[in-house]
Amino acid sequence: MIKNARKLFETVVDKVEDSSRVLLLGGSESRRLSPSQPGLIESHNEMLLSLRTASSEAKGTLTGFGFLLGAAGLLLFILDGMVGESSGLDWVLLSLSFLIMALPAVWELSRPPSLPIVFNRRTQEIYYDLKGELYHAPWDGIEAVAYEYSIVNQYSGAIAHGNLEVILQKFGAPDSRIALNLSGVPSGKRMHTLVGVNGQLK
């Protein structure tokens, strides 16, 4: 279990193996970087700021991929029908195409929506509901860890990934804590941008 941001910092440094790519941030200090606007804001008013989580950002991806494969199958069915006589396998292809489109859509629609991360300006706290359990952290003295790492593959080369994580404690059980990712999907994000986001949230 991660007890505080310092322990999280040490864990991340061990994984990244480069302490220059990891920053321990505190709510009382400034990194003197220009604030940047996070791309995952759900709502923003005088009472609160809410951010979408990575799971809600990625919702719909599987359905889109299913529709792409299903459309390819439908196209093959139409082309085969125009060129030659329809066989029993053509109808299997048609049925399979509709199934590939329908199953991911039904699965994603049946999943409960991901609740946002809420920054409440009135109570000066961050709230997050994780599977029905409320986690929170006061703004005063809050700490976060920002880090960057690269994933290399033969097709796209090196892609930067960045995360900004804060420690939240379970409401009514302060010893139960989680590290919450505030940056959404990490792909393509740089550490300095995320540190700028940290300044914008307050």
N, C-alpha and C. Protein backbone atom coordinates (compact mmCIF):
# COMPACT_ATOMS: atom_id res chain seq x y z
N MET A 1 0.85 -1.19 0.00
CA MET A 1 0.00 0.00 0.00
C MET A 1 0.89 1.25 0.00
N ILE A 2 0.52 2.25 -0.80
CA ILE A 2 1.24 3.52 -0.84
C ILE A 2 0.72 4.40 0.30
N LYS A 3 1.60 4.75 1.25
CA LYS A 3 1.15 5.52 2.42
C LYS A 3 1.18 7.02 2.18
N ASN A 4 2.13 7.50 1.37
CA ASN A 4 2.22 8.93 1.11
C ASN A 4 2.93 9.16 -0.22
N ALA A 5 2.98 10.44 -0.62
CA ALA A 5 3.56 10.78 -1.92
C ALA A 5 5.05 10.49 -1.98
N ARG A 6 5.73 10.58 -0.85
CA ARG A 6 7.17 10.28 -0.82
C ARG A 6 7.42 8.81 -1.17
N LYS A 7 6.60 7.91 -0.61
CA LYS A 7 6.73 6.49 -0.94
C LYS A 7 6.38 6.23 -2.41
N LEU A 8 5.35 6.93 -2.91
CA LEU A 8 5.00 6.80 -4.32
C LEU A 8 6.14 7.28 -5.20
N PHE A 9 6.76 8.41 -4.82
CA PHE A 9 7.90 8.96 -5.55
C PHE A 9 9.03 7.93 -5.63
N GLU A 10 9.35 7.31 -4.51
CA GLU A 10 10.44 6.32 -4.48
C GLU A 10 10.11 5.10 -5.34
N THR A 11 8.84 4.66 -5.30
CA THR A 11 8.40 3.52 -6.11
C THR A 11 8.52 3.83 -7.60
N VAL A 12 8.10 5.04 -7.99
CA VAL A 12 8.15 5.43 -9.40
C VAL A 12 9.60 5.56 -9.87
N VAL A 13 10.48 6.14 -9.03
CA VAL A 13 11.90 6.27 -9.39
C VAL A 13 12.51 4.90 -9.62
N ASP A 14 12.14 3.91 -8.79
CA ASP A 14 12.64 2.55 -8.98
C ASP A 14 12.20 1.97 -10.32
N LYS A 15 10.96 2.28 -10.74
CA LYS A 15 10.44 1.74 -12.00
C LYS A 15 11.00 2.46 -13.21
N VAL A 16 11.05 3.80 -13.14
CA VAL A 16 11.51 4.61 -14.27
C VAL A 16 13.04 4.57 -14.39
N GLU A 17 13.71 4.37 -13.26
CA GLU A 17 15.18 4.29 -13.19
C GLU A 17 15.86 5.58 -13.63
N ASP A 18 15.18 6.71 -13.42
CA ASP A 18 15.76 8.01 -13.76
C ASP A 18 15.05 9.06 -12.92
N SER A 19 15.69 9.52 -11.84
CA SER A 19 15.04 10.44 -10.92
C SER A 19 14.77 11.81 -11.54
N SER A 20 15.46 12.14 -12.65
CA SER A 20 15.24 13.44 -13.29
C SER A 20 13.90 13.46 -14.04
N ARG A 21 13.27 12.31 -14.24
CA ARG A 21 11.99 12.23 -14.95
C ARG A 21 10.82 12.08 -13.97
N VAL A 22 11.09 12.32 -12.69
CA VAL A 22 10.06 12.20 -11.65
C VAL A 22 10.12 13.44 -10.76
N LEU A 23 8.96 14.04 -10.49
CA LEU A 23 8.89 15.21 -9.62
C LEU A 23 7.91 14.97 -8.48
N LEU A 24 8.33 15.35 -7.27
CA LEU A 24 7.44 15.33 -6.11
C LEU A 24 6.90 16.74 -5.96
N LEU A 25 5.59 16.90 -6.05
CA LEU A 25 4.96 18.22 -6.03
C LEU A 25 4.19 18.44 -4.74
N GLY A 26 4.17 19.69 -4.29
CA GLY A 26 3.40 20.05 -3.11
C GLY A 26 2.47 21.19 -3.42
N GLY A 27 1.32 21.21 -2.74
CA GLY A 27 0.33 22.26 -2.99
C GLY A 27 0.80 23.63 -2.57
N SER A 28 1.80 23.70 -1.67
CA SER A 28 2.26 24.99 -1.16
C SER A 28 3.41 25.58 -1.98
N GLU A 29 3.89 24.85 -3.00
CA GLU A 29 5.03 25.36 -3.78
C GLU A 29 4.66 25.47 -5.25
N SER A 30 5.38 26.35 -5.93
CA SER A 30 5.13 26.55 -7.36
C SER A 30 6.35 26.13 -8.16
N ARG A 31 6.11 25.53 -9.31
CA ARG A 31 7.20 25.16 -10.22
C ARG A 31 7.47 26.25 -11.24
N ARG A 32 6.74 27.35 -11.16
CA ARG A 32 6.91 28.49 -12.05
C ARG A 32 6.74 28.13 -13.52
N LEU A 33 5.83 27.21 -13.78
CA LEU A 33 5.50 26.84 -15.16
C LEU A 33 4.13 27.40 -15.50
N SER A 34 3.94 27.79 -16.75
CA SER A 34 2.65 28.34 -17.17
C SER A 34 1.56 27.28 -17.04
N PRO A 35 0.40 27.65 -16.48
CA PRO A 35 -0.69 26.67 -16.37
C PRO A 35 -1.12 26.20 -17.75
N SER A 36 -1.44 24.93 -17.85
CA SER A 36 -1.96 24.38 -19.09
C SER A 36 -3.34 23.81 -18.83
N GLN A 37 -4.16 23.79 -19.84
CA GLN A 37 -5.55 23.34 -19.70
C GLN A 37 -5.61 21.84 -19.95
N PRO A 38 -6.00 21.03 -18.94
CA PRO A 38 -6.10 19.59 -19.20
C PRO A 38 -7.23 19.30 -20.17
N GLY A 39 -7.03 18.31 -21.03
CA GLY A 39 -8.03 18.01 -22.05
C GLY A 39 -9.18 17.17 -21.56
N LEU A 40 -9.20 16.82 -20.27
CA LEU A 40 -10.24 15.93 -19.79
C LEU A 40 -11.20 16.59 -18.81
N ILE A 41 -11.39 17.91 -18.92
CA ILE A 41 -12.35 18.60 -18.05
C ILE A 41 -13.77 18.23 -18.45
N GLU A 42 -14.56 17.82 -17.47
CA GLU A 42 -15.96 17.48 -17.72
C GLU A 42 -16.86 18.68 -17.44
N SER A 43 -16.62 19.35 -16.31
CA SER A 43 -17.36 20.58 -16.00
C SER A 43 -16.48 21.48 -15.15
N HIS A 44 -16.78 22.79 -15.23
CA HIS A 44 -15.95 23.76 -14.53
C HIS A 44 -16.83 24.96 -14.20
N ASN A 45 -17.02 25.24 -12.91
CA ASN A 45 -17.79 26.41 -12.50
C ASN A 45 -17.21 26.96 -11.20
N GLU A 46 -17.91 27.91 -10.58
CA GLU A 46 -17.37 28.55 -9.38
C GLU A 46 -17.36 27.62 -8.17
N MET A 47 -18.12 26.50 -8.22
CA MET A 47 -18.18 25.58 -7.09
C MET A 47 -17.21 24.41 -7.22
N LEU A 48 -17.02 23.91 -8.46
CA LEU A 48 -16.19 22.72 -8.60
C LEU A 48 -15.58 22.62 -9.99
N LEU A 49 -14.58 21.77 -10.05
CA LEU A 49 -13.95 21.36 -11.31
C LEU A 49 -13.99 19.84 -11.32
N SER A 50 -14.52 19.24 -12.38
CA SER A 50 -14.54 17.78 -12.45
C SER A 50 -13.78 17.32 -13.69
N LEU A 51 -12.98 16.26 -13.50
CA LEU A 51 -12.16 15.69 -14.57
C LEU A 51 -12.64 14.28 -14.88
N ARG A 52 -12.65 13.95 -16.17
CA ARG A 52 -12.94 12.57 -16.57
C ARG A 52 -11.74 11.69 -16.24
N THR A 53 -12.00 10.42 -15.97
CA THR A 53 -10.92 9.47 -15.72
C THR A 53 -10.48 8.84 -17.03
N ALA A 54 -9.38 8.10 -16.98
CA ALA A 54 -8.87 7.45 -18.19
C ALA A 54 -9.86 6.44 -18.74
N SER A 55 -10.60 5.74 -17.86
CA SER A 55 -11.55 4.74 -18.34
C SER A 55 -12.71 5.39 -19.09
N SER A 56 -13.15 6.58 -18.65
CA SER A 56 -14.23 7.25 -19.38
C SER A 56 -13.72 7.87 -20.68
N GLU A 57 -12.44 8.27 -20.69
CA GLU A 57 -11.84 8.79 -21.93
C GLU A 57 -11.78 7.72 -23.01
N ALA A 58 -11.49 6.47 -22.59
CA ALA A 58 -11.32 5.38 -23.55
C ALA A 58 -12.65 4.71 -23.91
N LYS A 59 -13.74 5.08 -23.24
CA LYS A 59 -15.02 4.42 -23.51
C LYS A 59 -15.45 4.71 -24.95
N GLY A 60 -15.90 3.67 -25.63
CA GLY A 60 -16.32 3.81 -27.02
C GLY A 60 -15.28 3.32 -28.01
N THR A 61 -14.03 3.14 -27.55
CA THR A 61 -12.96 2.68 -28.45
C THR A 61 -13.25 1.27 -28.97
N LEU A 62 -13.65 0.38 -28.07
CA LEU A 62 -13.94 -1.00 -28.47
C LEU A 62 -15.13 -1.06 -29.43
N THR A 63 -16.16 -0.24 -29.16
CA THR A 63 -17.32 -0.20 -30.05
C THR A 63 -16.92 0.31 -31.44
N GLY A 64 -16.10 1.33 -31.48
CA GLY A 64 -15.62 1.86 -32.77
C GLY A 64 -14.84 0.83 -33.55
N PHE A 65 -13.98 0.08 -32.85
CA PHE A 65 -13.19 -0.96 -33.51
C PHE A 65 -14.11 -2.07 -34.03
N GLY A 66 -15.14 -2.42 -33.24
CA GLY A 66 -16.11 -3.43 -33.67
C GLY A 66 -16.87 -2.99 -34.92
N PHE A 67 -17.26 -1.70 -34.96
CA PHE A 67 -17.96 -1.19 -36.14
C PHE A 67 -17.05 -1.19 -37.36
N LEU A 68 -15.77 -0.92 -37.16
CA LEU A 68 -14.81 -0.95 -38.27
C LEU A 68 -14.69 -2.35 -38.86
N LEU A 69 -14.54 -3.36 -37.99
CA LEU A 69 -14.44 -4.74 -38.47
C LEU A 69 -15.75 -5.21 -39.08
N GLY A 70 -16.87 -4.85 -38.42
CA GLY A 70 -18.18 -5.24 -38.95
C GLY A 70 -18.46 -4.62 -40.30
N ALA A 71 -18.06 -3.36 -40.49
CA ALA A 71 -18.27 -2.68 -41.78
C ALA A 71 -17.45 -3.35 -42.87
N ALA A 72 -16.23 -3.81 -42.53
CA ALA A 72 -15.41 -4.53 -43.51
C ALA A 72 -16.09 -5.83 -43.93
N GLY A 73 -16.68 -6.53 -42.95
CA GLY A 73 -17.41 -7.76 -43.26
C GLY A 73 -18.63 -7.50 -44.12
N LEU A 74 -19.36 -6.42 -43.83
CA LEU A 74 -20.53 -6.05 -44.65
C LEU A 74 -20.12 -5.71 -46.07
N LEU A 75 -19.00 -5.03 -46.22
CA LEU A 75 -18.50 -4.67 -47.55
C LEU A 75 -18.15 -5.93 -48.36
N LEU A 76 -17.50 -6.89 -47.69
CA LEU A 76 -17.18 -8.16 -48.36
C LEU A 76 -18.45 -8.90 -48.78
N PHE A 77 -19.47 -8.86 -47.91
CA PHE A 77 -20.75 -9.51 -48.23
C PHE A 77 -21.40 -8.88 -49.46
N ILE A 78 -21.39 -7.55 -49.51
CA ILE A 78 -22.01 -6.84 -50.65
C ILE A 78 -21.23 -7.10 -51.93
N LEU A 79 -19.89 -7.03 -51.86
CA LEU A 79 -19.07 -7.28 -53.04
C LEU A 79 -19.25 -8.70 -53.57
N ASP A 80 -19.32 -9.67 -52.65
CA ASP A 80 -19.51 -11.05 -53.07
C ASP A 80 -20.88 -11.26 -53.69
N GLY A 81 -21.89 -10.57 -53.15
CA GLY A 81 -23.23 -10.66 -53.71
C GLY A 81 -23.33 -10.04 -55.09
N MET A 82 -22.54 -9.00 -55.35
CA MET A 82 -22.56 -8.35 -56.66
C MET A 82 -21.81 -9.16 -57.71
N VAL A 83 -20.78 -9.89 -57.27
CA VAL A 83 -19.93 -10.62 -58.21
C VAL A 83 -20.48 -12.00 -58.54
N GLY A 84 -20.90 -12.74 -57.53
CA GLY A 84 -21.33 -14.12 -57.77
C GLY A 84 -22.61 -14.44 -57.05
N GLU A 85 -22.96 -15.69 -57.09
CA GLU A 85 -24.17 -16.15 -56.41
C GLU A 85 -23.91 -16.25 -54.91
N SER A 86 -24.94 -15.93 -54.15
CA SER A 86 -24.81 -15.99 -52.69
C SER A 86 -24.79 -17.44 -52.23
N SER A 87 -23.90 -17.72 -51.30
CA SER A 87 -23.82 -19.06 -50.71
C SER A 87 -24.17 -18.96 -49.23
N GLY A 88 -24.23 -20.10 -48.59
CA GLY A 88 -24.54 -20.14 -47.17
C GLY A 88 -23.50 -19.41 -46.34
N LEU A 89 -22.22 -19.43 -46.79
CA LEU A 89 -21.15 -18.77 -46.06
C LEU A 89 -21.32 -17.25 -46.07
N ASP A 90 -21.94 -16.73 -47.13
CA ASP A 90 -22.17 -15.28 -47.20
C ASP A 90 -23.06 -14.83 -46.04
N TRP A 91 -24.09 -15.61 -45.76
CA TRP A 91 -25.01 -15.24 -44.68
C TRP A 91 -24.35 -15.41 -43.31
N VAL A 92 -23.42 -16.35 -43.21
CA VAL A 92 -22.64 -16.49 -41.97
C VAL A 92 -21.78 -15.24 -41.78
N LEU A 93 -21.15 -14.77 -42.87
CA LEU A 93 -20.34 -13.55 -42.81
C LEU A 93 -21.18 -12.35 -42.41
N LEU A 94 -22.40 -12.25 -42.96
CA LEU A 94 -23.29 -11.14 -42.61
C LEU A 94 -23.67 -11.19 -41.13
N SER A 95 -24.03 -12.37 -40.66
CA SER A 95 -24.41 -12.52 -39.25
C SER A 95 -23.24 -12.20 -38.33
N LEU A 96 -22.04 -12.69 -38.71
CA LEU A 96 -20.85 -12.44 -37.90
C LEU A 96 -20.51 -10.95 -37.87
N SER A 97 -20.70 -10.26 -38.98
CA SER A 97 -20.43 -8.82 -39.05
C SER A 97 -21.34 -8.05 -38.09
N PHE A 98 -22.63 -8.39 -38.11
CA PHE A 98 -23.57 -7.72 -37.20
C PHE A 98 -23.24 -8.04 -35.74
N LEU A 99 -22.81 -9.27 -35.48
CA LEU A 99 -22.45 -9.66 -34.12
C LEU A 99 -21.22 -8.90 -33.63
N ILE A 100 -20.22 -8.76 -34.51
CA ILE A 100 -19.00 -8.02 -34.16
C ILE A 100 -19.32 -6.56 -33.85
N MET A 101 -20.31 -6.00 -34.53
CA MET A 101 -20.70 -4.61 -34.26
C MET A 101 -21.53 -4.49 -33.00
N ALA A 102 -22.42 -5.47 -32.76
CA ALA A 102 -23.38 -5.34 -31.66
C ALA A 102 -22.79 -5.67 -30.29
N LEU A 103 -21.97 -6.73 -30.21
CA LEU A 103 -21.48 -7.18 -28.90
C LEU A 103 -20.67 -6.13 -28.14
N PRO A 104 -19.65 -5.48 -28.76
CA PRO A 104 -18.92 -4.45 -28.01
C PRO A 104 -19.82 -3.28 -27.60
N ALA A 105 -20.76 -2.89 -28.47
CA ALA A 105 -21.66 -1.77 -28.14
C ALA A 105 -22.54 -2.11 -26.95
N VAL A 106 -23.10 -3.32 -26.93
CA VAL A 106 -23.95 -3.74 -25.82
C VAL A 106 -23.14 -3.83 -24.53
N TRP A 107 -21.92 -4.37 -24.63
CA TRP A 107 -21.07 -4.50 -23.44
C TRP A 107 -20.72 -3.13 -22.86
N GLU A 108 -20.33 -2.18 -23.72
CA GLU A 108 -19.95 -0.87 -23.21
C GLU A 108 -21.15 -0.09 -22.68
N LEU A 109 -22.31 -0.25 -23.30
CA LEU A 109 -23.50 0.45 -22.81
C LEU A 109 -23.99 -0.13 -21.49
N SER A 110 -23.73 -1.41 -21.24
CA SER A 110 -24.20 -2.04 -20.00
C SER A 110 -23.29 -1.73 -18.81
N ARG A 111 -22.08 -1.26 -19.06
CA ARG A 111 -21.17 -0.92 -17.96
C ARG A 111 -21.61 0.37 -17.29
N PRO A 112 -21.48 0.45 -15.95
CA PRO A 112 -21.85 1.70 -15.28
C PRO A 112 -20.90 2.82 -15.69
N PRO A 113 -21.39 4.06 -15.76
CA PRO A 113 -20.51 5.16 -16.17
C PRO A 113 -19.42 5.42 -15.14
N SER A 114 -18.26 5.83 -15.63
CA SER A 114 -17.16 6.18 -14.72
C SER A 114 -17.43 7.55 -14.12
N LEU A 115 -17.38 7.63 -12.80
CA LEU A 115 -17.62 8.90 -12.13
C LEU A 115 -16.38 9.79 -12.23
N PRO A 116 -16.57 11.11 -12.28
CA PRO A 116 -15.42 12.00 -12.44
C PRO A 116 -14.66 12.22 -11.13
N ILE A 117 -13.49 12.81 -11.26
CA ILE A 117 -12.71 13.28 -10.12
C ILE A 117 -13.19 14.70 -9.85
N VAL A 118 -13.61 15.00 -8.62
CA VAL A 118 -14.22 16.29 -8.31
C VAL A 118 -13.30 17.11 -7.40
N PHE A 119 -13.01 18.34 -7.83
CA PHE A 119 -12.29 19.31 -7.02
C PHE A 119 -13.32 20.31 -6.51
N ASN A 120 -13.66 20.20 -5.23
CA ASN A 120 -14.71 21.02 -4.64
C ASN A 120 -14.09 22.28 -4.04
N ARG A 121 -14.41 23.44 -4.61
CA ARG A 121 -13.81 24.69 -4.13
C ARG A 121 -14.39 25.13 -2.78
N ARG A 122 -15.63 24.71 -2.48
CA ARG A 122 -16.24 25.11 -1.21
C ARG A 122 -15.60 24.38 -0.03
N THR A 123 -15.42 23.06 -0.16
CA THR A 123 -14.83 22.28 0.93
C THR A 123 -13.32 22.19 0.83
N GLN A 124 -12.75 22.67 -0.30
CA GLN A 124 -11.30 22.62 -0.52
C GLN A 124 -10.77 21.18 -0.45
N GLU A 125 -11.50 20.26 -1.10
CA GLU A 125 -11.09 18.87 -1.12
C GLU A 125 -11.26 18.26 -2.51
N ILE A 126 -10.54 17.16 -2.74
CA ILE A 126 -10.69 16.36 -3.95
C ILE A 126 -11.49 15.12 -3.56
N TYR A 127 -12.46 14.73 -4.39
CA TYR A 127 -13.28 13.55 -4.13
C TYR A 127 -13.23 12.61 -5.33
N TYR A 128 -13.24 11.30 -5.02
CA TYR A 128 -13.32 10.31 -6.08
C TYR A 128 -14.04 9.07 -5.55
N ASP A 129 -15.02 8.60 -6.31
CA ASP A 129 -15.78 7.40 -5.94
C ASP A 129 -15.18 6.21 -6.68
N LEU A 130 -14.61 5.27 -5.93
CA LEU A 130 -14.01 4.07 -6.52
C LEU A 130 -14.86 2.87 -6.13
N LYS A 131 -15.68 2.39 -7.05
CA LYS A 131 -16.53 1.22 -6.84
C LYS A 131 -17.39 1.37 -5.59
N GLY A 132 -17.99 2.54 -5.43
CA GLY A 132 -18.89 2.78 -4.31
C GLY A 132 -18.22 3.23 -3.03
N GLU A 133 -16.90 3.32 -3.01
CA GLU A 133 -16.16 3.78 -1.83
C GLU A 133 -15.64 5.19 -2.11
N LEU A 134 -15.90 6.12 -1.18
CA LEU A 134 -15.48 7.51 -1.36
C LEU A 134 -14.07 7.73 -0.84
N TYR A 135 -13.22 8.30 -1.71
CA TYR A 135 -11.86 8.68 -1.33
C TYR A 135 -11.74 10.19 -1.45
N HIS A 136 -10.92 10.79 -0.59
CA HIS A 136 -10.80 12.25 -0.61
C HIS A 136 -9.41 12.67 -0.12
N ALA A 137 -9.11 13.95 -0.33
CA ALA A 137 -7.88 14.55 0.18
C ALA A 137 -8.08 16.05 0.27
N PRO A 138 -7.67 16.67 1.38
CA PRO A 138 -7.76 18.14 1.48
C PRO A 138 -6.69 18.80 0.62
N TRP A 139 -6.99 20.00 0.13
CA TRP A 139 -6.03 20.71 -0.70
C TRP A 139 -4.81 21.14 0.10
N ASP A 140 -5.02 21.55 1.36
CA ASP A 140 -3.90 22.02 2.18
C ASP A 140 -2.92 20.88 2.41
N GLY A 141 -1.69 21.09 2.01
CA GLY A 141 -0.65 20.09 2.21
C GLY A 141 -0.69 18.92 1.24
N ILE A 142 -1.52 19.00 0.21
CA ILE A 142 -1.59 17.88 -0.74
C ILE A 142 -0.28 17.74 -1.49
N GLU A 143 0.08 16.49 -1.78
CA GLU A 143 1.28 16.21 -2.54
C GLU A 143 0.93 15.33 -3.74
N ALA A 144 1.70 15.46 -4.78
CA ALA A 144 1.48 14.68 -6.00
C ALA A 144 2.83 14.27 -6.57
N VAL A 145 2.80 13.28 -7.43
CA VAL A 145 4.00 12.84 -8.14
C VAL A 145 3.72 12.91 -9.63
N ALA A 146 4.57 13.62 -10.36
CA ALA A 146 4.48 13.68 -11.83
C ALA A 146 5.69 12.94 -12.38
N TYR A 147 5.45 12.13 -13.39
CA TYR A 147 6.57 11.40 -13.99
C TYR A 147 6.33 11.13 -15.46
N GLU A 148 7.43 10.90 -16.15
CA GLU A 148 7.39 10.67 -17.59
C GLU A 148 8.24 9.46 -17.92
N TYR A 149 7.78 8.67 -18.86
CA TYR A 149 8.55 7.52 -19.32
C TYR A 149 8.26 7.33 -20.81
N SER A 150 9.09 6.54 -21.47
CA SER A 150 8.93 6.30 -22.91
C SER A 150 8.66 4.84 -23.17
N ILE A 151 7.79 4.59 -24.15
CA ILE A 151 7.56 3.23 -24.64
C ILE A 151 8.05 3.20 -26.08
N VAL A 152 8.91 2.25 -26.38
CA VAL A 152 9.53 2.15 -27.71
C VAL A 152 9.03 0.89 -28.40
N ASN A 153 8.59 1.04 -29.64
CA ASN A 153 8.29 -0.14 -30.46
C ASN A 153 8.76 0.09 -31.89
N GLN A 154 8.74 -0.96 -32.68
CA GLN A 154 9.33 -0.90 -34.03
C GLN A 154 8.48 -0.11 -35.01
N TYR A 155 7.22 0.14 -34.69
CA TYR A 155 6.34 0.82 -35.64
C TYR A 155 6.30 2.34 -35.44
N SER A 156 6.24 2.77 -34.18
CA SER A 156 6.09 4.21 -33.93
C SER A 156 7.30 4.85 -33.26
N GLY A 157 8.32 4.07 -32.96
CA GLY A 157 9.48 4.62 -32.28
C GLY A 157 9.18 4.86 -30.80
N ALA A 158 9.78 5.91 -30.23
CA ALA A 158 9.60 6.22 -28.81
C ALA A 158 8.42 7.16 -28.63
N ILE A 159 7.48 6.78 -27.78
CA ILE A 159 6.33 7.63 -27.46
C ILE A 159 6.39 7.98 -25.99
N ALA A 160 6.33 9.28 -25.70
CA ALA A 160 6.35 9.74 -24.31
C ALA A 160 5.00 9.47 -23.64
N HIS A 161 5.05 9.06 -22.40
CA HIS A 161 3.87 8.86 -21.57
C HIS A 161 4.09 9.64 -20.27
N GLY A 162 3.05 10.30 -19.81
CA GLY A 162 3.17 11.06 -18.57
C GLY A 162 1.99 10.83 -17.64
N ASN A 163 2.27 10.83 -16.35
CA ASN A 163 1.23 10.65 -15.33
C ASN A 163 1.39 11.69 -14.23
N LEU A 164 0.27 12.09 -13.66
CA LEU A 164 0.23 12.95 -12.49
C LEU A 164 -0.67 12.25 -11.48
N GLU A 165 -0.12 11.85 -10.34
CA GLU A 165 -0.87 11.06 -9.37
C GLU A 165 -0.85 11.72 -8.00
N VAL A 166 -2.01 11.69 -7.33
CA VAL A 166 -2.13 12.19 -5.96
C VAL A 166 -2.58 11.04 -5.07
N ILE A 167 -2.33 11.18 -3.77
CA ILE A 167 -2.73 10.17 -2.79
C ILE A 167 -4.05 10.60 -2.17
N LEU A 168 -5.05 9.73 -2.22
CA LEU A 168 -6.34 9.97 -1.58
C LEU A 168 -6.56 8.91 -0.50
N GLN A 169 -7.25 9.31 0.57
CA GLN A 169 -7.56 8.37 1.64
C GLN A 169 -9.06 8.07 1.66
N LYS A 170 -9.38 6.86 2.09
CA LYS A 170 -10.78 6.43 2.14
C LYS A 170 -11.51 7.20 3.22
N PHE A 171 -12.73 7.65 2.89
CA PHE A 171 -13.53 8.41 3.85
C PHE A 171 -13.89 7.51 5.02
N GLY A 172 -13.51 7.93 6.22
CA GLY A 172 -13.78 7.16 7.43
C GLY A 172 -12.73 6.10 7.74
N ALA A 173 -11.77 5.90 6.83
CA ALA A 173 -10.69 4.92 7.05
C ALA A 173 -9.41 5.49 6.47
N PRO A 174 -8.78 6.46 7.16
CA PRO A 174 -7.63 7.18 6.60
C PRO A 174 -6.41 6.32 6.30
N ASP A 175 -6.34 5.12 6.88
CA ASP A 175 -5.19 4.25 6.59
C ASP A 175 -5.31 3.55 5.24
N SER A 176 -6.52 3.53 4.67
CA SER A 176 -6.73 2.93 3.35
C SER A 176 -6.56 4.02 2.29
N ARG A 177 -5.53 3.90 1.46
CA ARG A 177 -5.21 4.97 0.51
C ARG A 177 -5.02 4.42 -0.91
N ILE A 178 -5.23 5.31 -1.86
CA ILE A 178 -5.00 4.97 -3.27
C ILE A 178 -4.20 6.09 -3.93
N ALA A 179 -3.48 5.73 -5.00
CA ALA A 179 -2.82 6.72 -5.85
C ALA A 179 -3.74 6.95 -7.04
N LEU A 180 -4.24 8.18 -7.18
CA LEU A 180 -5.21 8.50 -8.23
C LEU A 180 -4.54 9.25 -9.37
N ASN A 181 -4.71 8.74 -10.58
CA ASN A 181 -4.13 9.36 -11.78
C ASN A 181 -5.03 10.51 -12.24
N LEU A 182 -4.51 11.72 -12.26
CA LEU A 182 -5.27 12.90 -12.68
C LEU A 182 -5.09 13.23 -14.16
N SER A 183 -4.20 12.51 -14.84
CA SER A 183 -3.83 12.91 -16.20
C SER A 183 -4.58 12.17 -17.29
N GLY A 184 -5.47 11.24 -16.93
CA GLY A 184 -6.19 10.49 -17.95
C GLY A 184 -5.29 9.49 -18.65
N VAL A 185 -5.54 9.27 -19.94
CA VAL A 185 -4.71 8.35 -20.72
C VAL A 185 -3.31 8.95 -20.85
N PRO A 186 -2.25 8.22 -20.45
CA PRO A 186 -0.91 8.82 -20.39
C PRO A 186 -0.23 9.03 -21.73
N SER A 187 -0.65 8.34 -22.78
CA SER A 187 0.05 8.36 -24.06
C SER A 187 0.15 9.77 -24.64
N GLY A 188 1.37 10.16 -25.01
CA GLY A 188 1.60 11.45 -25.67
C GLY A 188 1.68 12.63 -24.73
N LYS A 189 1.66 12.42 -23.42
CA LYS A 189 1.70 13.53 -22.47
C LYS A 189 3.10 13.66 -21.88
N ARG A 190 3.52 14.92 -21.69
CA ARG A 190 4.85 15.19 -21.14
C ARG A 190 4.72 15.67 -19.71
N MET A 191 5.77 15.44 -18.93
CA MET A 191 5.74 15.75 -17.51
C MET A 191 5.53 17.24 -17.24
N HIS A 192 6.19 18.11 -18.01
CA HIS A 192 6.08 19.55 -17.75
C HIS A 192 4.68 20.07 -18.04
N THR A 193 4.00 19.46 -19.00
CA THR A 193 2.61 19.83 -19.27
C THR A 193 1.73 19.45 -18.08
N LEU A 194 1.97 18.28 -17.51
CA LEU A 194 1.19 17.82 -16.38
C LEU A 194 1.43 18.67 -15.14
N VAL A 195 2.68 19.13 -14.96
CA VAL A 195 2.97 20.01 -13.82
C VAL A 195 2.26 21.33 -14.00
N GLY A 196 2.16 21.82 -15.25
CA GLY A 196 1.39 23.02 -15.53
C GLY A 196 -0.07 22.82 -15.25
N VAL A 197 -0.60 21.63 -15.52
CA VAL A 197 -1.99 21.31 -15.19
C VAL A 197 -2.20 21.39 -13.69
N ASN A 198 -1.23 20.94 -12.92
CA ASN A 198 -1.34 20.98 -11.46
C ASN A 198 -1.55 22.41 -10.97
N GLY A 199 -0.91 23.38 -11.62
CA GLY A 199 -1.12 24.76 -11.24
C GLY A 199 -2.49 25.27 -11.62
N GLN A 200 -3.08 24.73 -12.69
CA GLN A 200 -4.39 25.18 -13.16
C GLN A 200 -5.51 24.71 -12.28
N LEU A 201 -5.35 23.53 -11.64
CA LEU A 201 -6.45 22.93 -10.91
C LEU A 201 -6.88 23.75 -9.70
N LYS A 202 -5.98 24.49 -9.11
CA LYS A 202 -6.32 25.27 -7.94
C LYS A 202 -6.97 26.58 -8.31
